[in-house]
Amino acid sequence: MGGAVETKMTVGQTVGQNGKDRSALEALIIGHSPAVVQLREMIRRVARSNASVMLCGPSGSGKELVARAIHDEGIRSGKAFSAINCGAIPADLIESELFGHEKGSFTGAHARRIGHFEASEGGTLFLDEIGDMRFDMQVKLLRVLEDRTIVRVGSSEMKKVDVRVISATHQDMGTAVADGRFREDLFFRLGVVVLQVPSLAARVEDIPALIRHFQRNMPGETKCRYDDAALAVLMEHRWPGNVRELRNFVERASVLYGGETLGADDVAMLLNPTAVLAPRPAAPIAAAAIDDGQPAPMPFAKTPAPGRPIDLKREIENIELEQIHNALDLADGIISEAARLLTLKRTTLIEKMRKYGVQQQAA
């Protein structure tokens, strides 16, 4: 599609719009895979402008989250963010939802109502599943984008609007345009910048971080741990439902096997939501491939025996040191992330690292 610009860029070291800290964006767009690192950099770049952005990617990949990140990183971050799913609204109501209506303009219009464009004034409007919008509405939307004015249903008054539009679709828009299902001029208007949101299958190395993220607000007794074999199964899965499927998997595991360490067979069963799941015997907690943010207690290396006391302080320090090393490994050496996993302040973790002589570059 010659008129749209699909952004391809080298990952840089710039901070976000208005000097915003990188950590805010990294907390919203989870992962450290090359695909996610590049996506975050693209978000920072496009957030600096008011250009329309089209997000392309499979269902469940987090396109609305990316739209929210672009809004939060940009100059409109203090204004409204509104989202509408164009494929979920009945065809006879989509115009009213977008542009509003006057009282009595149609059956059921008992009062004046503003639409999403007016509700997003000064901010961002996210149009999800834009490829499902009916053709006559595409004409009206194009006119709004070109003139920056709307007309409520049942009114003749034109109203100026200042809204940045971000759209999203899981469809192949080139095919949709070629087949006559989507207007080429509207595609060019919506897709000044086109960003590809990667599928989960393209970023499987982010699965441990995503699991920790989904478990963050769960009660401690419901969080599962995953051994190496379990992780291997998760990373080999096709993930047709993408990040949404992973989130559902984590919730299913917490309901059925909360607090337990899962192996390959457990994960294989949980990945099939229609499978008949049987209770499994409790297993001792093993060294986990994923830390849930609340490190599991480790057994003492020694047990007190009559006449043979142990150095409790030293044993506790050994456990603390091992947990620090585990957290740093899981966090890829990022101290702020390791501190989160250990439920410590970053400065506290740095002091403990100095105490034990742990050499790690602060991050």
Protein backbone atom coordinates (compact mmCIF):
# COMPACT_ATOMS: atom_id res chain seq x y z
CA MET A 1 0.00 0.00 0.00
CA GLY A 2 2.02 2.92 -1.26
CA GLY A 3 0.49 5.75 0.78
CA ALA A 4 0.89 4.40 4.31
CA VAL A 5 4.15 4.50 6.16
CA GLU A 6 5.01 1.30 7.96
CA THR A 7 7.60 2.38 10.49
CA LYS A 8 10.84 0.43 10.68
CA MET A 9 13.54 1.79 12.89
CA THR A 10 16.60 0.98 14.92
CA VAL A 11 16.18 0.77 18.66
CA GLY A 12 17.58 3.93 20.22
CA GLN A 13 18.23 5.21 23.70
CA THR A 14 15.87 8.18 23.80
CA VAL A 15 13.38 8.85 26.56
CA GLY A 16 9.68 9.21 25.83
CA GLN A 17 7.74 12.35 24.91
CA ASN A 18 7.97 15.13 27.52
CA GLY A 19 10.93 13.34 29.12
CA LYS A 20 8.79 10.55 30.54
CA ASP A 21 10.73 7.74 32.18
CA ARG A 22 11.18 4.53 30.20
CA SER A 23 9.96 2.48 33.17
CA ALA A 24 6.36 3.69 32.76
CA LEU A 25 6.20 2.36 29.21
CA GLU A 26 8.01 -0.83 30.13
CA ALA A 27 5.48 -1.42 32.90
CA LEU A 28 2.67 -1.17 30.34
CA ILE A 29 4.26 -3.06 27.43
CA ILE A 30 5.76 -6.12 29.12
CA GLY A 31 8.80 -8.01 27.87
CA HIS A 32 12.41 -7.73 26.72
CA SER A 33 12.27 -9.65 23.44
CA PRO A 34 13.65 -7.86 20.36
CA ALA A 35 10.11 -7.53 18.98
CA VAL A 36 8.84 -5.79 22.13
CA VAL A 37 11.91 -3.59 22.53
CA GLN A 38 11.43 -2.37 18.96
CA LEU A 39 7.68 -1.89 19.50
CA ARG A 40 8.32 0.29 22.56
CA GLU A 41 10.74 2.42 20.55
CA MET A 42 8.14 2.80 17.78
CA ILE A 43 5.59 3.87 20.39
CA ARG A 44 7.95 6.55 21.66
CA ARG A 45 8.53 7.83 18.13
CA VAL A 46 4.88 8.05 17.05
CA ALA A 47 3.80 9.49 20.41
CA ARG A 48 5.68 12.68 19.57
CA SER A 49 3.21 13.60 16.83
CA ASN A 50 -0.53 13.83 16.29
CA ALA A 51 -0.47 11.60 13.21
CA SER A 52 -3.12 8.92 12.84
CA VAL A 53 -1.79 5.45 13.64
CA MET A 54 -3.10 2.07 12.51
CA LEU A 55 -2.18 -0.96 14.63
CA CYS A 56 -2.14 -4.26 12.79
CA GLY A 57 -1.83 -7.59 14.54
CA PRO A 58 -3.70 -10.75 15.51
CA SER A 59 -6.59 -10.73 17.97
CA GLY A 60 -5.47 -10.86 21.58
CA SER A 61 -2.02 -9.41 20.91
CA GLY A 62 -2.65 -6.25 22.95
CA LYS A 63 -3.43 -3.61 20.34
CA GLU A 64 -5.59 -1.55 22.70
CA LEU A 65 -2.76 -1.58 25.25
CA VAL A 66 -0.40 -0.25 22.56
CA ALA A 67 -2.92 2.48 21.72
CA ARG A 68 -3.12 3.42 25.38
CA ALA A 69 0.68 3.53 25.57
CA ILE A 70 0.88 5.88 22.56
CA HIS A 71 -1.65 8.16 24.25
CA ASP A 72 0.11 8.06 27.62
CA GLU A 73 3.51 8.81 26.07
CA GLY A 74 2.26 11.69 23.95
CA ILE A 75 1.30 15.32 24.39
CA ARG A 76 -2.37 14.37 24.87
CA SER A 77 -1.68 12.16 27.90
CA GLY A 78 -3.56 14.45 30.28
CA LYS A 79 -6.70 14.33 28.13
CA ALA A 80 -9.40 11.72 27.54
CA PHE A 81 -8.76 8.30 26.02
CA SER A 82 -11.87 6.66 24.56
CA ALA A 83 -12.17 3.24 22.91
CA ILE A 84 -14.87 1.77 20.70
CA ASN A 85 -15.04 -1.64 19.03
CA CYS A 86 -16.42 -1.01 15.56
CA GLY A 87 -17.27 -4.66 15.07
CA ALA A 88 -19.26 -5.03 18.30
CA ILE A 89 -21.77 -2.21 17.75
CA PRO A 90 -24.93 -2.77 15.68
CA ALA A 91 -24.72 -1.16 12.24
CA ASP A 92 -27.66 1.17 12.93
CA LEU A 93 -26.05 2.53 16.10
CA ILE A 94 -22.41 3.06 15.06
CA GLU A 95 -23.02 6.60 13.74
CA SER A 96 -24.69 7.65 16.98
CA GLU A 97 -21.90 6.05 19.03
CA LEU A 98 -19.23 7.95 17.12
CA PHE A 99 -20.88 11.32 16.52
CA GLY A 100 -23.72 11.48 19.07
CA HIS A 101 -27.39 12.24 18.49
CA GLU A 102 -30.11 14.75 19.29
CA LYS A 103 -33.21 13.98 21.32
CA GLY A 104 -35.91 12.37 19.17
CA SER A 105 -33.63 11.76 16.21
CA PHE A 106 -34.59 8.06 16.17
CA THR A 107 -36.62 5.60 18.21
CA GLY A 108 -35.07 5.35 21.64
CA ALA A 109 -33.23 8.68 21.46
CA HIS A 110 -34.85 10.06 24.61
CA ALA A 111 -32.18 12.68 25.24
CA ARG A 112 -29.24 14.37 23.54
CA ARG A 113 -26.10 12.26 23.74
CA ILE A 114 -22.55 13.11 22.78
CA GLY A 115 -20.55 10.56 20.83
CA HIS A 116 -17.04 9.24 21.28
CA PHE A 117 -15.48 11.98 19.15
CA GLU A 118 -16.84 14.72 21.43
CA ALA A 119 -16.06 12.67 24.54
CA SER A 120 -12.43 12.41 23.38
CA GLU A 121 -12.00 16.15 22.73
CA GLY A 122 -8.34 17.08 23.04
CA GLY A 123 -7.42 13.45 23.58
CA THR A 124 -7.33 10.15 21.72
CA LEU A 125 -10.05 7.99 20.18
CA PHE A 126 -9.20 4.32 19.64
CA LEU A 127 -11.23 2.61 16.90
CA ASP A 128 -10.76 -1.12 17.35
CA GLU A 129 -11.54 -3.58 14.55
CA ILE A 130 -11.82 -0.73 12.04
CA GLY A 131 -11.83 -3.29 9.22
CA ASP A 132 -15.34 -4.35 10.28
CA MET A 133 -16.84 -0.87 9.78
CA ARG A 134 -19.60 -0.83 7.18
CA PHE A 135 -18.84 0.95 3.92
CA ASP A 136 -21.26 3.91 4.26
CA MET A 137 -19.82 4.70 7.71
CA GLN A 138 -16.33 4.66 6.22
CA VAL A 139 -17.39 7.59 4.00
CA LYS A 140 -18.65 9.58 7.00
CA LEU A 141 -15.54 8.81 9.05
CA LEU A 142 -13.29 9.94 6.19
CA ARG A 143 -15.16 13.25 6.03
CA VAL A 144 -14.66 13.77 9.78
CA LEU A 145 -10.95 13.03 9.54
CA GLU A 146 -10.52 15.46 6.64
CA ASP A 147 -12.68 18.32 7.96
CA ARG A 148 -12.21 17.74 11.71
CA THR A 149 -15.94 18.37 12.17
CA ILE A 150 -18.81 16.14 13.23
CA VAL A 151 -22.59 16.38 12.92
CA ARG A 152 -24.73 14.65 15.52
CA VAL A 153 -27.48 12.37 14.21
CA GLY A 154 -30.62 14.47 13.88
CA SER A 155 -28.74 17.78 13.74
CA SER A 156 -27.43 20.03 11.00
CA GLU A 157 -24.94 21.85 13.19
CA MET A 158 -21.28 21.12 12.46
CA LYS A 159 -19.02 20.92 15.49
CA LYS A 160 -15.23 21.16 15.41
CA VAL A 161 -13.32 18.37 17.14
CA ASP A 162 -9.66 18.00 18.07
CA VAL A 163 -9.05 14.27 18.42
CA ARG A 164 -6.16 12.00 17.58
CA VAL A 165 -7.41 8.77 16.01
CA ILE A 166 -5.68 5.44 16.54
CA SER A 167 -7.25 2.47 14.79
CA ALA A 168 -6.61 -1.26 14.94
CA THR A 169 -7.44 -4.36 12.94
CA HIS A 170 -6.54 -8.03 12.75
CA GLN A 171 -7.39 -8.10 9.05
CA ASP A 172 -5.04 -7.87 6.07
CA MET A 173 -5.94 -4.34 5.02
CA GLY A 174 -4.21 -4.65 1.66
CA THR A 175 -6.56 -7.50 0.79
CA ALA A 176 -9.56 -5.63 2.22
CA VAL A 177 -8.80 -2.62 0.00
CA ALA A 178 -8.16 -4.78 -3.06
CA ASP A 179 -11.47 -6.61 -2.50
CA GLY A 180 -13.37 -3.33 -2.19
CA ARG A 181 -14.32 -3.94 1.45
CA PHE A 182 -12.38 -0.96 2.76
CA ARG A 183 -11.86 2.45 1.18
CA GLU A 184 -8.32 3.07 0.04
CA ASP A 185 -8.50 6.79 0.84
CA LEU A 186 -9.67 6.04 4.39
CA PHE A 187 -6.86 3.54 4.81
CA PHE A 188 -4.32 6.19 3.83
CA ARG A 189 -5.93 8.69 6.22
CA LEU A 190 -6.00 6.27 9.15
CA GLY A 191 -2.63 4.69 8.42
CA VAL A 192 -0.28 7.64 8.26
CA VAL A 193 1.85 5.35 10.42
CA VAL A 194 1.21 1.60 10.49
CA LEU A 195 2.61 -0.36 13.44
CA GLN A 196 2.73 -4.13 13.57
CA VAL A 197 1.92 -5.57 17.01
CA PRO A 198 3.70 -8.95 17.30
CA SER A 199 1.90 -12.17 18.11
CA LEU A 200 2.87 -13.99 21.30
CA ALA A 201 4.38 -16.77 19.17
CA ALA A 202 6.86 -14.20 17.85
CA ARG A 203 7.97 -13.24 21.36
CA VAL A 204 7.82 -16.44 23.44
CA GLU A 205 10.84 -15.33 25.47
CA ASP A 206 8.52 -12.79 27.12
CA ILE A 207 6.24 -15.51 28.56
CA PRO A 208 7.94 -15.68 32.01
CA ALA A 209 7.71 -11.89 32.42
CA LEU A 210 4.08 -11.90 31.29
CA ILE A 211 3.21 -14.66 33.77
CA ARG A 212 4.79 -12.67 36.60
CA HIS A 213 2.81 -9.64 35.46
CA PHE A 214 -0.50 -11.52 35.43
CA GLN A 215 0.24 -13.03 38.85
CA ARG A 216 1.23 -9.72 40.41
CA ASN A 217 -2.11 -8.93 42.04
CA MET A 218 -3.09 -12.51 42.85
CA PRO A 219 -3.13 -13.70 46.48
CA GLY A 220 0.11 -15.48 47.30
CA GLU A 221 -1.57 -18.82 47.89
CA THR A 222 -3.05 -18.87 44.36
CA LYS A 223 0.18 -18.20 42.44
CA CYS A 224 1.67 -21.14 40.56
CA ARG A 225 5.32 -21.86 39.89
CA TYR A 226 6.64 -23.51 36.72
CA ASP A 227 9.59 -25.85 36.33
CA ASP A 228 11.86 -25.90 33.29
CA ALA A 229 9.84 -28.58 31.52
CA ALA A 230 6.64 -26.58 32.02
CA LEU A 231 8.27 -23.49 30.57
CA ALA A 232 9.44 -25.47 27.56
CA VAL A 233 5.86 -26.56 26.83
CA LEU A 234 4.61 -22.99 27.15
CA MET A 235 7.23 -21.72 24.73
CA GLU A 236 6.45 -24.42 22.17
CA HIS A 237 2.71 -23.70 22.23
CA ARG A 238 1.30 -21.91 19.15
CA TRP A 239 -0.74 -19.38 21.22
CA PRO A 240 -3.55 -18.76 18.70
CA GLY A 241 -5.21 -16.49 21.27
CA ASN A 242 -1.96 -14.61 21.92
CA VAL A 243 -1.47 -12.67 25.18
CA ARG A 244 -5.18 -12.93 25.99
CA GLU A 245 -4.89 -16.73 25.88
CA LEU A 246 -1.84 -16.66 28.17
CA ARG A 247 -3.67 -14.47 30.68
CA ASN A 248 -6.58 -16.92 30.72
CA PHE A 249 -4.13 -19.81 31.13
CA VAL A 250 -2.51 -18.14 34.17
CA GLU A 251 -5.91 -17.53 35.76
CA ARG A 252 -7.01 -21.13 35.07
CA ALA A 253 -3.81 -22.46 36.65
CA SER A 254 -4.27 -20.30 39.75
CA VAL A 255 -7.85 -21.55 40.22
CA LEU A 256 -7.07 -25.24 39.78
CA TYR A 257 -3.51 -25.56 41.10
CA GLY A 258 -2.89 -22.40 43.13
CA GLY A 259 0.34 -22.46 45.13
CA GLU A 260 1.71 -25.55 43.40
CA THR A 261 4.69 -26.12 41.13
CA LEU A 262 3.57 -27.23 37.68
CA GLY A 263 5.34 -29.59 35.31
CA ALA A 264 5.06 -30.30 31.61
CA ASP A 265 2.03 -32.62 31.90
CA ASP A 266 0.14 -30.11 34.05
CA VAL A 267 0.75 -27.31 31.56
CA ALA A 268 -0.24 -29.48 28.61
CA MET A 269 -3.56 -30.22 30.28
CA LEU A 270 -4.17 -26.60 31.25
CA LEU A 271 -3.51 -25.43 27.71
CA ASN A 272 -6.56 -27.44 26.66
CA PRO A 273 -9.46 -25.71 28.47
CA THR A 274 -11.89 -28.48 27.46
CA ALA A 275 -9.76 -31.26 28.93
CA VAL A 276 -10.99 -33.18 31.96
CA LEU A 277 -8.70 -32.03 34.76
CA ALA A 278 -8.15 -34.28 37.74
CA PRO A 279 -6.75 -33.22 41.14
CA ARG A 280 -3.01 -33.78 41.36
CA PRO A 281 -1.02 -34.73 44.45
CA ALA A 282 0.80 -31.93 46.19
CA ALA A 283 4.45 -31.77 45.26
CA PRO A 284 7.34 -30.22 47.18
CA ILE A 285 8.33 -26.76 46.00
CA ALA A 286 11.28 -27.00 43.65
CA ALA A 287 13.58 -24.35 42.28
CA ALA A 288 11.22 -22.52 39.98
CA ALA A 289 11.95 -21.33 36.49
CA ILE A 290 9.57 -18.41 37.14
CA ASP A 291 9.50 -16.38 40.32
CA ASP A 292 6.06 -14.97 41.04
CA GLY A 293 7.29 -11.87 42.81
CA GLN A 294 6.96 -13.53 46.22
CA PRO A 295 10.01 -15.83 46.43
CA ALA A 296 9.14 -19.17 47.98
CA PRO A 297 10.84 -19.96 51.29
CA MET A 298 13.94 -22.11 50.95
CA PRO A 299 14.71 -24.85 53.47
CA PHE A 300 17.60 -24.43 55.88
CA ALA A 301 20.77 -26.20 54.84
CA LYS A 302 21.03 -27.68 58.34
CA THR A 303 18.61 -28.81 61.02
CA PRO A 304 19.28 -28.24 64.74
CA ALA A 305 20.23 -31.40 66.57
CA PRO A 306 20.78 -32.02 70.27
CA GLY A 307 24.04 -30.45 71.31
CA ARG A 308 24.73 -29.18 67.77
CA PRO A 309 23.37 -25.64 67.27
CA ILE A 310 23.38 -23.96 63.86
CA ASP A 311 24.33 -20.41 62.97
CA LEU A 312 20.81 -19.13 62.22
CA LYS A 313 21.99 -15.68 61.13
CA ARG A 314 24.42 -17.18 58.63
CA GLU A 315 21.83 -19.57 57.25
CA ILE A 316 19.34 -16.73 56.74
CA GLU A 317 22.01 -14.68 54.97
CA ASN A 318 22.75 -17.64 52.66
CA ILE A 319 19.07 -17.90 51.77
CA GLU A 320 18.84 -14.14 51.18
CA LEU A 321 21.91 -14.17 48.94
CA GLU A 322 20.57 -17.09 46.89
CA GLN A 323 17.24 -15.35 46.41
CA ILE A 324 19.00 -12.16 45.28
CA HIS A 325 20.96 -14.12 42.67
CA ASN A 326 17.77 -15.89 41.52
CA ALA A 327 15.88 -12.59 41.17
CA LEU A 328 18.71 -10.95 39.24
CA ASP A 329 18.85 -13.91 36.86
CA LEU A 330 15.08 -13.79 36.28
CA ALA A 331 15.22 -10.02 35.76
CA ASP A 332 18.09 -10.24 33.28
CA GLY A 333 20.22 -8.14 35.61
CA ILE A 334 17.72 -5.26 35.82
CA ILE A 335 17.90 -4.22 39.46
CA SER A 336 14.56 -2.41 39.55
CA GLU A 337 12.81 -5.55 38.24
CA ALA A 338 14.73 -7.81 40.64
CA ALA A 339 13.72 -5.55 43.52
CA ARG A 340 10.09 -5.87 42.47
CA LEU A 341 10.37 -9.65 42.44
CA LEU A 342 11.83 -9.56 45.94
CA THR A 343 9.26 -6.97 47.11
CA LEU A 344 12.10 -4.65 48.11
CA LYS A 345 12.85 -1.03 47.37
CA ARG A 346 15.51 -0.62 44.71
CA THR A 347 17.82 1.17 47.14
CA THR A 348 17.37 -1.63 49.69
CA LEU A 349 18.36 -4.26 47.15
CA ILE A 350 21.43 -2.25 46.14
CA GLU A 351 22.51 -2.06 49.81
CA LYS A 352 22.09 -5.81 50.23
CA MET A 353 24.09 -6.43 47.05
CA ARG A 354 26.88 -4.27 48.45
CA LYS A 355 26.68 -6.15 51.75
CA TYR A 356 27.14 -9.52 50.03
CA GLY A 357 29.55 -8.28 47.37
CA VAL A 358 27.21 -9.03 44.48
CA GLN A 359 28.66 -7.37 41.41
CA GLN A 360 25.91 -6.20 39.08
CA GLN A 361 25.50 -3.05 37.06
CA ALA A 362 22.67 -0.95 38.47
CA ALA A 363 19.66 -0.61 36.18
